[in-house]
Amino acid sequence: MRPRLVLALLIAAAPGVLLALIGLTHPMYLTDDTAMSWRTLHVVTLPLFPLLAVAPWWIARGHSRVLGVLCGVLGYVFAAGYTALDVLAGIGAGGLQLDNGGSGKGVLYDLADVLSLPGTIALLISSALAAGTVLVAARAPRARLLAAVGGILVVLAGVSFLNSHIYWPRGGLTMLAFAAGFTTLVLADRRRERSAAGVTA
């Protein structure tokens, strides 16, 4: 397997899988008993969530410089917005719970929701753009099928992510859908490239 393909598959799958696994340990509620693990978990996920936006950019840039730039900008919007959620509703709220029993954490939750929504919308759009690009470029039936399946997975994941996090089961399955969808899109692109080169899989 070529190093570039290995890298593409890691970019596609690793963020979603890691976040889904971490989600298994995410407390369902922020209480005095869970405050430390709540805060620590969001410190850990702080650098991981932005990586979800790398796969759409990576996929799109292989087809069009303009689409690559657009997905890059959308990825930046997602990274900024979701970092705000992690800091406010995760690290900040967890710290408040530890220090003063959570007084004021509702304000942080509200701010986090407002700031993160444009970001999750941006991730949905960039995912749909990347999927559409692969589907349009696919010529061979198997490549089209893979592109369609991958596109459905990432769009459904993007819609689910608009009002979910990484709580199981829904949040964890959403992260796995991102991982599976982006991986399928990378494989569809790989099949398309091999078909264009006249190589049979």
C-alpha atoms as a PDB file:
ATOM      1  CA  MET A   1       0.000   0.000   0.000  1.00  0.00           C
ATOM      2  CA  ARG A   2       1.413   3.352  -1.012  1.00  0.00           C
ATOM      3  CA  PRO A   3       2.371   5.844   1.737  1.00  0.00           C
ATOM      4  CA  ARG A   4       0.053   8.497   0.289  1.00  0.00           C
ATOM      5  CA  LEU A   5      -2.919   6.128   0.449  1.00  0.00           C
ATOM      6  CA  VAL A   6      -2.012   5.107   4.004  1.00  0.00           C
ATOM      7  CA  LEU A   7      -1.873   8.778   4.985  1.00  0.00           C
ATOM      8  CA  ALA A   8      -5.219   9.462   3.311  1.00  0.00           C
ATOM      9  CA  LEU A   9      -6.846   6.544   5.129  1.00  0.00           C
ATOM     10  CA  LEU A  10      -5.455   7.733   8.464  1.00  0.00           C
ATOM     11  CA  ILE A  11      -6.750  11.244   7.829  1.00  0.00           C
ATOM     12  CA  ALA A  12     -10.145   9.796   6.923  1.00  0.00           C
ATOM     13  CA  ALA A  13     -10.582   7.297   9.731  1.00  0.00           C
ATOM     14  CA  ALA A  14      -8.450   8.180  12.753  1.00  0.00           C
ATOM     15  CA  PRO A  15     -10.229  11.310  14.067  1.00  0.00           C
ATOM     16  CA  GLY A  16     -13.693   9.760  14.053  1.00  0.00           C
ATOM     17  CA  VAL A  17     -12.540   6.461  15.539  1.00  0.00           C
ATOM     18  CA  LEU A  18     -10.523   8.152  18.291  1.00  0.00           C
ATOM     19  CA  LEU A  19     -13.390  10.488  19.190  1.00  0.00           C
ATOM     20  CA  ALA A  20     -15.857   7.594  19.233  1.00  0.00           C
ATOM     21  CA  LEU A  21     -13.589   5.653  21.597  1.00  0.00           C
ATOM     22  CA  ILE A  22     -13.154   8.664  23.869  1.00  0.00           C
ATOM     23  CA  GLY A  23     -16.910   9.144  23.788  1.00  0.00           C
ATOM     24  CA  LEU A  24     -17.289   5.807  25.557  1.00  0.00           C
ATOM     25  CA  THR A  25     -15.831   7.476  28.662  1.00  0.00           C
ATOM     26  CA  HIS A  26     -17.794  10.736  28.363  1.00  0.00           C
ATOM     27  CA  PRO A  27     -19.980  11.293  31.447  1.00  0.00           C
ATOM     28  CA  MET A  28     -23.645  11.705  30.579  1.00  0.00           C
ATOM     29  CA  TYR A  29     -24.046  14.551  33.066  1.00  0.00           C
ATOM     30  CA  LEU A  30     -21.756  17.137  34.626  1.00  0.00           C
ATOM     31  CA  THR A  31     -21.910  16.719  38.391  1.00  0.00           C
ATOM     32  CA  ASP A  32     -19.494  17.134  41.274  1.00  0.00           C
ATOM     33  CA  ASP A  33     -18.536  13.479  40.878  1.00  0.00           C
ATOM     34  CA  THR A  34     -17.878  13.692  37.125  1.00  0.00           C
ATOM     35  CA  ALA A  35     -16.437  17.224  36.929  1.00  0.00           C
ATOM     36  CA  MET A  36     -12.777  16.195  36.854  1.00  0.00           C
ATOM     37  CA  SER A  37     -13.211  13.548  34.156  1.00  0.00           C
ATOM     38  CA  TRP A  38     -15.506  15.928  32.205  1.00  0.00           C
ATOM     39  CA  ARG A  39     -12.876  18.666  32.180  1.00  0.00           C
ATOM     40  CA  THR A  40      -9.982  16.297  31.460  1.00  0.00           C
ATOM     41  CA  LEU A  41     -11.827  14.616  28.595  1.00  0.00           C
ATOM     42  CA  HIS A  42     -12.411  17.945  26.867  1.00  0.00           C
ATOM     43  CA  VAL A  43      -8.773  18.906  27.263  1.00  0.00           C
ATOM     44  CA  VAL A  44      -7.903  15.673  25.452  1.00  0.00           C
ATOM     45  CA  THR A  45     -10.447  16.226  22.661  1.00  0.00           C
ATOM     46  CA  LEU A  46      -9.467  19.866  22.137  1.00  0.00           C
ATOM     47  CA  PRO A  47      -6.856  19.046  19.438  1.00  0.00           C
ATOM     48  CA  LEU A  48      -8.844  16.099  18.033  1.00  0.00           C
ATOM     49  CA  PHE A  49     -12.151  17.648  16.954  1.00  0.00           C
ATOM     50  CA  PRO A  50     -10.570  20.025  14.381  1.00  0.00           C
ATOM     51  CA  LEU A  51      -9.037  16.984  12.663  1.00  0.00           C
ATOM     52  CA  LEU A  52     -12.527  15.960  11.502  1.00  0.00           C
ATOM     53  CA  ALA A  53     -12.318  18.802   8.975  1.00  0.00           C
ATOM     54  CA  VAL A  54      -9.057  17.633   7.415  1.00  0.00           C
ATOM     55  CA  ALA A  55     -10.577  14.725   5.449  1.00  0.00           C
ATOM     56  CA  PRO A  56     -13.026  16.838   3.348  1.00  0.00           C
ATOM     57  CA  TRP A  57     -10.212  19.265   2.544  1.00  0.00           C
ATOM     58  CA  TRP A  58      -7.812  16.440   1.634  1.00  0.00           C
ATOM     59  CA  ILE A  59     -10.363  14.775  -0.633  1.00  0.00           C
ATOM     60  CA  ALA A  60     -11.551  17.967  -2.343  1.00  0.00           C
ATOM     61  CA  ARG A  61      -8.076  19.364  -2.986  1.00  0.00           C
ATOM     62  CA  GLY A  62      -7.252  16.294  -5.054  1.00  0.00           C
ATOM     63  CA  HIS A  63      -9.940  17.317  -7.546  1.00  0.00           C
ATOM     64  CA  SER A  64     -10.056  21.091  -7.542  1.00  0.00           C
ATOM     65  CA  ARG A  65      -7.887  23.806  -6.074  1.00  0.00           C
ATOM     66  CA  VAL A  66     -10.928  26.040  -5.623  1.00  0.00           C
ATOM     67  CA  LEU A  67     -12.892  23.340  -3.804  1.00  0.00           C
ATOM     68  CA  GLY A  68      -9.830  22.560  -1.726  1.00  0.00           C
ATOM     69  CA  VAL A  69      -9.591  26.188  -0.617  1.00  0.00           C
ATOM     70  CA  LEU A  70     -13.336  26.318   0.073  1.00  0.00           C
ATOM     71  CA  CYS A  71     -13.240  23.158   2.188  1.00  0.00           C
ATOM     72  CA  GLY A  72     -10.175  24.527   3.951  1.00  0.00           C
ATOM     73  CA  VAL A  73     -12.028  27.717   4.885  1.00  0.00           C
ATOM     74  CA  LEU A  74     -15.057  25.718   6.026  1.00  0.00           C
ATOM     75  CA  GLY A  75     -12.741  23.507   8.058  1.00  0.00           C
ATOM     76  CA  TYR A  76     -11.302  26.581   9.743  1.00  0.00           C
ATOM     77  CA  VAL A  77     -14.809  27.751  10.639  1.00  0.00           C
ATOM     78  CA  PHE A  78     -15.551  24.338  12.134  1.00  0.00           C
ATOM     79  CA  ALA A  79     -12.291  24.229  14.079  1.00  0.00           C
ATOM     80  CA  ALA A  80     -12.897  27.675  15.572  1.00  0.00           C
ATOM     81  CA  GLY A  81     -16.518  26.988  16.470  1.00  0.00           C
ATOM     82  CA  TYR A  82     -16.020  23.566  17.956  1.00  0.00           C
ATOM     83  CA  THR A  83     -12.960  24.641  19.882  1.00  0.00           C
ATOM     84  CA  ALA A  84     -15.231  27.237  21.508  1.00  0.00           C
ATOM     85  CA  LEU A  85     -17.633  24.467  22.524  1.00  0.00           C
ATOM     86  CA  ASP A  86     -14.844  22.323  23.969  1.00  0.00           C
ATOM     87  CA  VAL A  87     -13.410  25.242  25.934  1.00  0.00           C
ATOM     88  CA  LEU A  88     -16.715  26.661  27.190  1.00  0.00           C
ATOM     89  CA  ALA A  89     -19.007  23.675  27.753  1.00  0.00           C
ATOM     90  CA  GLY A  90     -16.197  21.240  28.421  1.00  0.00           C
ATOM     91  CA  ILE A  91     -13.184  22.741  30.134  1.00  0.00           C
ATOM     92  CA  GLY A  92     -14.893  25.863  31.475  1.00  0.00           C
ATOM     93  CA  ALA A  93     -18.060  24.220  32.740  1.00  0.00           C
ATOM     94  CA  GLY A  94     -16.057  21.391  34.264  1.00  0.00           C
ATOM     95  CA  GLY A  95     -13.859  23.909  36.057  1.00  0.00           C
ATOM     96  CA  LEU A  96     -16.884  25.796  37.375  1.00  0.00           C
ATOM     97  CA  GLN A  97     -18.369  22.572  38.666  1.00  0.00           C
ATOM     98  CA  LEU A  98     -15.152  21.772  40.491  1.00  0.00           C
ATOM     99  CA  ASP A  99     -14.719  25.241  41.972  1.00  0.00           C
ATOM    100  CA  ASN A 100     -18.213  26.402  42.869  1.00  0.00           C
ATOM    101  CA  GLY A 101     -20.696  23.633  42.240  1.00  0.00           C
ATOM    102  CA  GLY A 102     -21.432  24.620  38.671  1.00  0.00           C
ATOM    103  CA  SER A 103     -22.961  28.034  39.215  1.00  0.00           C
ATOM    104  CA  GLY A 104     -22.995  29.836  35.869  1.00  0.00           C
ATOM    105  CA  LYS A 105     -22.310  26.769  33.738  1.00  0.00           C
ATOM    106  CA  GLY A 106     -25.672  27.214  31.985  1.00  0.00           C
ATOM    107  CA  VAL A 107     -24.379  30.462  30.487  1.00  0.00           C
ATOM    108  CA  LEU A 108     -21.345  28.612  29.152  1.00  0.00           C
ATOM    109  CA  TYR A 109     -23.551  25.910  27.636  1.00  0.00           C
ATOM    110  CA  ASP A 110     -25.663  28.521  25.854  1.00  0.00           C
ATOM    111  CA  LEU A 111     -22.611  30.349  24.492  1.00  0.00           C
ATOM    112  CA  ALA A 112     -21.068  27.056  23.380  1.00  0.00           C
ATOM    113  CA  ASP A 113     -24.203  26.100  21.449  1.00  0.00           C
ATOM    114  CA  VAL A 114     -24.360  29.466  19.674  1.00  0.00           C
ATOM    115  CA  LEU A 115     -20.684  29.469  18.722  1.00  0.00           C
ATOM    116  CA  SER A 116     -20.450  25.825  17.678  1.00  0.00           C
ATOM    117  CA  LEU A 117     -23.501  25.699  15.386  1.00  0.00           C
ATOM    118  CA  PRO A 118     -21.901  27.614  12.473  1.00  0.00           C
ATOM    119  CA  GLY A 119     -18.931  25.283  12.782  1.00  0.00           C
ATOM    120  CA  THR A 120     -20.952  22.087  12.604  1.00  0.00           C
ATOM    121  CA  ILE A 121     -22.877  23.500   9.633  1.00  0.00           C
ATOM    122  CA  ALA A 122     -19.552  24.271   7.954  1.00  0.00           C
ATOM    123  CA  LEU A 123     -18.387  20.680   8.522  1.00  0.00           C
ATOM    124  CA  LEU A 124     -21.611  19.342   7.009  1.00  0.00           C
ATOM    125  CA  ILE A 125     -21.192  21.537   3.927  1.00  0.00           C
ATOM    126  CA  SER A 126     -17.529  20.646   3.428  1.00  0.00           C
ATOM    127  CA  SER A 127     -18.302  16.942   3.838  1.00  0.00           C
ATOM    128  CA  ALA A 128     -21.099  17.159   1.273  1.00  0.00           C
ATOM    129  CA  LEU A 129     -18.849  19.061  -1.144  1.00  0.00           C
ATOM    130  CA  ALA A 130     -16.093  16.475  -0.860  1.00  0.00           C
ATOM    131  CA  ALA A 131     -18.553  13.620  -1.336  1.00  0.00           C
ATOM    132  CA  GLY A 132     -20.196  15.295  -4.329  1.00  0.00           C
ATOM    133  CA  THR A 133     -16.805  15.915  -5.914  1.00  0.00           C
ATOM    134  CA  VAL A 134     -15.842  12.256  -5.663  1.00  0.00           C
ATOM    135  CA  LEU A 135     -19.231  11.101  -6.948  1.00  0.00           C
ATOM    136  CA  VAL A 136     -19.137  13.404  -9.977  1.00  0.00           C
ATOM    137  CA  ALA A 137     -15.587  12.354 -10.834  1.00  0.00           C
ATOM    138  CA  ALA A 138     -16.292   8.619 -10.540  1.00  0.00           C
ATOM    139  CA  ARG A 139     -16.850   6.813 -13.828  1.00  0.00           C
ATOM    140  CA  ALA A 140     -16.606   3.120 -13.019  1.00  0.00           C
ATOM    141  CA  PRO A 141     -19.758   1.615 -11.427  1.00  0.00           C
ATOM    142  CA  ARG A 142     -17.902   0.365  -8.345  1.00  0.00           C
ATOM    143  CA  ALA A 143     -16.282   3.738  -7.786  1.00  0.00           C
ATOM    144  CA  ARG A 144     -19.682   5.421  -8.068  1.00  0.00           C
ATOM    145  CA  LEU A 145     -21.212   2.968  -5.620  1.00  0.00           C
ATOM    146  CA  LEU A 146     -18.419   3.572  -3.108  1.00  0.00           C
ATOM    147  CA  ALA A 147     -18.732   7.329  -3.573  1.00  0.00           C
ATOM    148  CA  ALA A 148     -22.496   7.185  -3.061  1.00  0.00           C
ATOM    149  CA  VAL A 149     -22.197   5.090   0.100  1.00  0.00           C
ATOM    150  CA  GLY A 150     -19.443   7.314   1.476  1.00  0.00           C
ATOM    151  CA  GLY A 151     -21.420  10.433   0.644  1.00  0.00           C
ATOM    152  CA  ILE A 152     -24.541   9.159   2.391  1.00  0.00           C
ATOM    153  CA  LEU A 153     -22.530   8.278   5.494  1.00  0.00           C
ATOM    154  CA  VAL A 154     -20.752  11.622   5.833  1.00  0.00           C
ATOM    155  CA  VAL A 155     -23.895  13.665   5.138  1.00  0.00           C
ATOM    156  CA  LEU A 156     -25.916  11.681   7.676  1.00  0.00           C
ATOM    157  CA  ALA A 157     -23.077  12.066  10.159  1.00  0.00           C
ATOM    158  CA  GLY A 158     -22.927  15.793   9.489  1.00  0.00           C
ATOM    159  CA  VAL A 159     -26.665  16.192  10.041  1.00  0.00           C
ATOM    160  CA  SER A 160     -26.526  14.145  13.247  1.00  0.00           C
ATOM    161  CA  PHE A 161     -23.564  16.167  14.493  1.00  0.00           C
ATOM    162  CA  LEU A 162     -25.557  19.407  14.290  1.00  0.00           C
ATOM    163  CA  ASN A 163     -27.152  18.596  17.633  1.00  0.00           C
ATOM    164  CA  SER A 164     -25.082  15.765  19.055  1.00  0.00           C
ATOM    165  CA  HIS A 165     -21.636  15.400  20.589  1.00  0.00           C
ATOM    166  CA  ILE A 166     -19.707  12.170  21.242  1.00  0.00           C
ATOM    167  CA  TYR A 167     -22.065  10.672  23.809  1.00  0.00           C
ATOM    168  CA  TRP A 168     -22.920   7.059  23.071  1.00  0.00           C
ATOM    169  CA  PRO A 169     -24.789   5.673  21.348  1.00  0.00           C
ATOM    170  CA  ARG A 170     -25.736   8.464  18.940  1.00  0.00           C
ATOM    171  CA  GLY A 171     -22.625  10.600  19.230  1.00  0.00           C
ATOM    172  CA  GLY A 172     -20.247   7.663  19.020  1.00  0.00           C
ATOM    173  CA  LEU A 173     -22.054   6.236  15.999  1.00  0.00           C
ATOM    174  CA  THR A 174     -21.931   9.679  14.377  1.00  0.00           C
ATOM    175  CA  MET A 175     -18.152   9.748  14.751  1.00  0.00           C
ATOM    176  CA  LEU A 176     -17.857   6.225  13.331  1.00  0.00           C
ATOM    177  CA  ALA A 177     -20.068   7.237  10.398  1.00  0.00           C
ATOM    178  CA  PHE A 178     -17.676  10.093   9.641  1.00  0.00           C
ATOM    179  CA  ALA A 179     -14.745   7.682   9.786  1.00  0.00           C
ATOM    180  CA  ALA A 180     -16.424   5.059   7.600  1.00  0.00           C
ATOM    181  CA  GLY A 181     -17.768   7.627   5.139  1.00  0.00           C
ATOM    182  CA  PHE A 182     -14.498   9.469   4.590  1.00  0.00           C
ATOM    183  CA  THR A 183     -12.626   6.160   4.322  1.00  0.00           C
ATOM    184  CA  THR A 184     -15.084   4.953   1.676  1.00  0.00           C
ATOM    185  CA  LEU A 185     -14.678   8.206  -0.253  1.00  0.00           C
ATOM    186  CA  VAL A 186     -10.884   7.811  -0.196  1.00  0.00           C
ATOM    187  CA  LEU A 187     -11.237   4.254  -1.496  1.00  0.00           C
ATOM    188  CA  ALA A 188     -13.662   5.407  -4.195  1.00  0.00           C
ATOM    189  CA  ASP A 189     -11.116   7.998  -5.282  1.00  0.00           C
ATOM    190  CA  ARG A 190      -8.417   5.348  -5.308  1.00  0.00           C
ATOM    191  CA  ARG A 191     -10.557   3.086  -7.493  1.00  0.00           C
ATOM    192  CA  ARG A 192     -11.252   6.015  -9.833  1.00  0.00           C
ATOM    193  CA  GLU A 193      -7.526   6.746 -10.151  1.00  0.00           C
ATOM    194  CA  ARG A 194      -6.732   3.115 -10.884  1.00  0.00           C
ATOM    195  CA  SER A 195      -9.495   2.949 -13.502  1.00  0.00           C
ATOM    196  CA  ALA A 196      -8.205   6.122 -15.153  1.00  0.00           C
ATOM    197  CA  ALA A 197      -4.742   4.598 -15.275  1.00  0.00           C
ATOM    198  CA  GLY A 198      -6.107   1.423 -16.810  1.00  0.00           C
ATOM    199  CA  VAL A 199      -5.294  -0.730 -13.774  1.00  0.00           C
ATOM    200  CA  THR A 200      -7.756  -3.393 -12.726  1.00  0.00           C
ATOM    201  CA  ALA A 201      -8.431  -3.765  -8.986  1.00  0.00           C
END
